[in-house]
């Protein structure tokens, strides 16, 4: 268990509780990675759409498909 010690020498109770309450497992790491990937992909689509609709068509999507994808929350596939 990792305990963070502040500049004043106090241990962080929060870090101790988090480490005890939330066990790490492969599944949770995979879920977080998937969510980060989706969020980044949708952010990139939004940026490409701002540049121009031709950028979206260049990657094989219609503008409508890109707008639908951008509006989805990161946890939805």
N, C-alpha and C. Protein backbone atom coordinates (compact mmCIF):
# COMPACT_ATOMS: atom_id res chain seq x y z
N UNK A 1 0.85 -1.17 0.00
CA UNK A 1 0.00 0.00 0.00
C UNK A 1 0.90 1.24 0.00
N UNK A 2 0.64 2.15 -0.94
CA UNK A 2 1.42 3.38 -1.03
C UNK A 2 0.76 4.46 -0.19
N UNK A 3 1.55 5.14 0.57
CA UNK A 3 1.06 6.27 1.37
C UNK A 3 1.82 7.51 0.96
N UNK A 4 1.10 8.55 0.64
CA UNK A 4 1.71 9.81 0.24
C UNK A 4 1.96 10.65 1.48
N UNK A 5 3.14 11.19 1.58
CA UNK A 5 3.48 12.05 2.70
C UNK A 5 3.60 13.47 2.18
N UNK A 6 2.87 14.37 2.81
CA UNK A 6 2.87 15.76 2.36
C UNK A 6 4.17 16.46 2.74
N UNK A 7 4.32 17.69 2.27
CA UNK A 7 5.51 18.48 2.58
C UNK A 7 5.64 18.72 4.09
N UNK A 8 4.52 18.67 4.80
CA UNK A 8 4.52 18.89 6.24
C UNK A 8 4.71 17.60 7.03
N UNK A 9 4.92 16.49 6.31
CA UNK A 9 5.15 15.21 6.97
C UNK A 9 3.88 14.46 7.34
N UNK A 10 2.71 14.91 6.88
CA UNK A 10 1.46 14.23 7.18
C UNK A 10 1.16 13.20 6.11
N UNK A 11 0.70 12.06 6.53
CA UNK A 11 0.33 11.02 5.57
C UNK A 11 -1.07 11.29 5.03
N UNK A 12 -1.25 10.97 3.78
CA UNK A 12 -2.55 11.16 3.15
C UNK A 12 -3.45 9.98 3.46
N UNK A 13 -4.51 10.23 4.19
CA UNK A 13 -5.48 9.19 4.50
C UNK A 13 -6.20 8.77 3.23
N UNK A 14 -6.45 9.72 2.36
CA UNK A 14 -7.17 9.43 1.11
C UNK A 14 -6.44 8.37 0.30
N UNK A 15 -5.13 8.50 0.12
CA UNK A 15 -4.41 7.52 -0.69
C UNK A 15 -4.47 6.13 -0.07
N UNK A 16 -4.43 6.06 1.25
CA UNK A 16 -4.54 4.76 1.93
C UNK A 16 -5.91 4.14 1.70
N UNK A 17 -6.96 4.94 1.82
CA UNK A 17 -8.31 4.43 1.62
C UNK A 17 -8.53 3.98 0.19
N UNK A 18 -8.07 4.77 -0.76
CA UNK A 18 -8.25 4.41 -2.16
C UNK A 18 -7.54 3.11 -2.48
N UNK A 19 -6.33 2.97 -2.01
CA UNK A 19 -5.58 1.75 -2.29
C UNK A 19 -6.22 0.52 -1.67
N UNK A 20 -6.89 0.66 -0.55
CA UNK A 20 -7.55 -0.47 0.09
C UNK A 20 -8.91 -0.76 -0.55
N UNK A 21 -9.62 0.29 -0.92
CA UNK A 21 -11.00 0.13 -1.38
C UNK A 21 -11.09 -0.29 -2.84
N UNK A 22 -10.14 0.09 -3.65
CA UNK A 22 -10.22 -0.17 -5.08
C UNK A 22 -9.06 -1.06 -5.50
N UNK A 23 -9.28 -2.37 -5.48
CA UNK A 23 -8.21 -3.25 -5.93
C UNK A 23 -8.01 -3.13 -7.44
N UNK A 24 -6.79 -3.15 -7.87
CA UNK A 24 -6.49 -3.04 -9.29
C UNK A 24 -6.61 -4.42 -9.93
N UNK A 25 -7.15 -4.46 -11.11
CA UNK A 25 -7.22 -5.72 -11.84
C UNK A 25 -7.08 -5.42 -13.32
N UNK A 26 -6.80 -6.45 -14.09
CA UNK A 26 -6.61 -6.27 -15.53
C UNK A 26 -7.85 -5.70 -16.19
N UNK A 27 -9.02 -6.14 -15.75
CA UNK A 27 -10.25 -5.68 -16.36
C UNK A 27 -10.42 -4.18 -16.22
N UNK A 28 -10.19 -3.63 -15.04
CA UNK A 28 -10.38 -2.19 -14.84
C UNK A 28 -9.36 -1.40 -15.66
N UNK A 29 -8.14 -1.91 -15.77
CA UNK A 29 -7.15 -1.23 -16.61
C UNK A 29 -7.58 -1.21 -18.07
N UNK A 30 -8.15 -2.32 -18.53
CA UNK A 30 -8.62 -2.40 -19.91
C UNK A 30 -9.77 -1.43 -20.16
N UNK A 31 -10.68 -1.36 -19.21
CA UNK A 31 -11.82 -0.45 -19.34
C UNK A 31 -11.35 0.99 -19.42
N UNK A 32 -10.45 1.38 -18.50
CA UNK A 32 -9.93 2.76 -18.52
C UNK A 32 -9.23 3.06 -19.83
N UNK A 33 -8.44 2.14 -20.34
CA UNK A 33 -7.73 2.35 -21.61
C UNK A 33 -8.71 2.50 -22.76
N UNK A 34 -9.75 1.70 -22.75
CA UNK A 34 -10.77 1.79 -23.80
C UNK A 34 -11.47 3.13 -23.75
N UNK A 35 -11.84 3.56 -22.55
CA UNK A 35 -12.52 4.85 -22.42
C UNK A 35 -11.62 6.00 -22.86
N UNK A 36 -10.35 5.95 -22.50
CA UNK A 36 -9.41 7.00 -22.93
C UNK A 36 -9.29 7.03 -24.44
N UNK A 37 -9.23 5.86 -25.06
CA UNK A 37 -9.12 5.77 -26.51
C UNK A 37 -10.35 6.37 -27.19
N UNK A 38 -11.53 6.03 -26.68
CA UNK A 38 -12.76 6.57 -27.26
C UNK A 38 -12.82 8.09 -27.11
N UNK A 39 -12.45 8.57 -25.93
CA UNK A 39 -12.48 10.02 -25.69
C UNK A 39 -11.53 10.74 -26.65
N UNK A 40 -10.35 10.18 -26.83
CA UNK A 40 -9.36 10.79 -27.73
C UNK A 40 -9.85 10.75 -29.18
N UNK A 41 -10.43 9.63 -29.59
CA UNK A 41 -10.94 9.49 -30.96
C UNK A 41 -12.02 10.54 -31.23
N UNK A 42 -12.94 10.69 -30.28
CA UNK A 42 -14.03 11.65 -30.48
C UNK A 42 -13.52 13.09 -30.43
N UNK A 43 -12.52 13.33 -29.65
CA UNK A 43 -11.90 14.65 -29.62
C UNK A 43 -11.22 14.95 -30.95
N UNK A 44 -10.54 13.96 -31.50
CA UNK A 44 -9.90 14.13 -32.81
C UNK A 44 -10.92 14.37 -33.91
N UNK A 45 -12.03 13.64 -33.86
CA UNK A 45 -13.09 13.87 -34.85
C UNK A 45 -13.62 15.29 -34.76
N UNK A 46 -13.82 15.78 -33.55
CA UNK A 46 -14.32 17.14 -33.35
C UNK A 46 -13.35 18.16 -33.95
N UNK A 47 -12.06 17.93 -33.72
CA UNK A 47 -11.05 18.83 -34.27
C UNK A 47 -11.05 18.80 -35.79
N UNK A 48 -11.13 17.60 -36.37
CA UNK A 48 -11.16 17.48 -37.82
C UNK A 48 -12.39 18.15 -38.41
N UNK A 49 -13.51 18.04 -37.73
CA UNK A 49 -14.74 18.67 -38.20
C UNK A 49 -14.62 20.19 -38.19
N UNK A 50 -13.92 20.72 -37.18
CA UNK A 50 -13.70 22.18 -37.13
C UNK A 50 -12.81 22.64 -38.29
N UNK A 51 -11.84 21.81 -38.66
CA UNK A 51 -10.95 22.17 -39.76
C UNK A 51 -11.73 22.23 -41.06
N UNK A 52 -12.57 21.22 -41.28
CA UNK A 52 -13.38 21.21 -42.49
C UNK A 52 -14.02 19.85 -42.69
N UNK A 53 -15.17 19.86 -43.32
CA UNK A 53 -15.88 18.59 -43.52
C UNK A 53 -15.12 17.67 -44.46
N UNK A 54 -14.28 18.22 -45.32
CA UNK A 54 -13.49 17.38 -46.23
C UNK A 54 -12.54 16.47 -45.45
N UNK A 55 -12.10 16.89 -44.27
CA UNK A 55 -11.22 16.06 -43.45
C UNK A 55 -11.96 14.81 -42.97
N UNK A 56 -13.22 14.97 -42.63
CA UNK A 56 -14.04 13.83 -42.18
C UNK A 56 -14.27 12.87 -43.34
N UNK A 57 -14.58 13.41 -44.49
CA UNK A 57 -14.80 12.56 -45.67
C UNK A 57 -13.53 11.82 -46.06
N UNK A 58 -12.36 12.44 -45.83
CA UNK A 58 -11.09 11.79 -46.17
C UNK A 58 -10.85 10.53 -45.35
N UNK A 59 -11.41 10.44 -44.14
CA UNK A 59 -11.20 9.24 -43.34
C UNK A 59 -12.35 8.24 -43.51
N UNK A 60 -13.25 8.54 -44.43
CA UNK A 60 -14.30 7.58 -44.78
C UNK A 60 -15.58 7.68 -43.99
N UNK A 61 -15.81 8.81 -43.34
CA UNK A 61 -17.06 9.01 -42.60
C UNK A 61 -17.85 10.15 -43.23
N UNK A 62 -19.15 10.11 -43.02
CA UNK A 62 -19.95 11.27 -43.42
C UNK A 62 -19.94 12.25 -42.24
N UNK A 63 -20.29 13.48 -42.51
CA UNK A 63 -20.34 14.49 -41.46
C UNK A 63 -21.37 14.09 -40.40
N UNK A 64 -22.50 13.53 -40.85
CA UNK A 64 -23.54 13.10 -39.91
C UNK A 64 -23.03 12.00 -38.99
N UNK A 65 -22.30 11.03 -39.54
CA UNK A 65 -21.75 9.95 -38.72
C UNK A 65 -20.77 10.50 -37.69
N UNK A 66 -19.94 11.43 -38.13
CA UNK A 66 -18.96 12.02 -37.22
C UNK A 66 -19.65 12.80 -36.10
N UNK A 67 -20.68 13.56 -36.44
CA UNK A 67 -21.40 14.33 -35.42
C UNK A 67 -22.09 13.42 -34.42
N UNK A 68 -22.66 12.30 -34.90
CA UNK A 68 -23.28 11.33 -33.98
C UNK A 68 -22.23 10.74 -33.04
N UNK A 69 -21.07 10.40 -33.58
CA UNK A 69 -20.00 9.81 -32.78
C UNK A 69 -19.49 10.81 -31.74
N UNK A 70 -19.34 12.06 -32.11
CA UNK A 70 -18.84 13.10 -31.21
C UNK A 70 -19.78 13.30 -30.02
N UNK A 71 -21.07 13.16 -30.24
CA UNK A 71 -22.05 13.41 -29.18
C UNK A 71 -22.14 12.28 -28.17
N UNK A 72 -21.60 11.10 -28.49
CA UNK A 72 -21.67 9.97 -27.56
C UNK A 72 -20.78 10.20 -26.36
N UNK A 73 -21.20 9.79 -25.17
CA UNK A 73 -20.31 9.83 -24.01
C UNK A 73 -19.22 8.77 -24.17
N UNK A 74 -18.10 8.96 -23.50
CA UNK A 74 -16.94 8.08 -23.68
C UNK A 74 -17.19 6.63 -23.29
N UNK A 75 -18.18 6.38 -22.46
CA UNK A 75 -18.41 5.00 -22.02
C UNK A 75 -19.29 4.20 -22.99
N UNK A 76 -19.86 4.85 -24.00
CA UNK A 76 -20.65 4.14 -24.99
C UNK A 76 -19.81 3.81 -26.22
N UNK A 77 -19.96 2.58 -26.70
CA UNK A 77 -19.22 2.16 -27.90
C UNK A 77 -19.87 2.70 -29.14
